[in-house]
Amino acid sequence: ELVRGGVKVFCVAPGSRSTPLALAADRHPTARVVVCIDERSLAFYALGVGKGSGRAAAVITSSGTAVANLLPAAVEAHESCCPLLLITADRPPEMRDTGANQTIDQTKIFGSFA
């Protein structure tokens, strides 16, 4: 659906929670997948794709602090009116506040910038 909607570049920061999304992008015959383990750098790369092409690139990440690393690029995209699509995995809500790995409240993490 995203490719049909115009997304051509998928920027993936690998993680177990986001693996199904990453594999779907990788298996699409016309999607271009860029992989980077640093979420912040990857989000800014996607922002550059958006600024250069006028089309949003999709960033796919796992959950928790990986999502928090996307905030600087989300702010920049918002302030520069640049398209950017952030697709993040999440842990089940009942895992919050239990000390579970990669579990934070992501509900409004981007605030007014999303």
Foldseek 3Di string as FASTA:
>chain_A
DVVVVPAAEEEEQDDPQQVVVLVVQVPDPRHHYHYDNQLLVSLVVQQVVQVVPVDGYEYEYEAAVSVLSNQVSLQVCQVVVTHYHYHYGADPPVCPPVPDPRHDPPPQSNPPSD
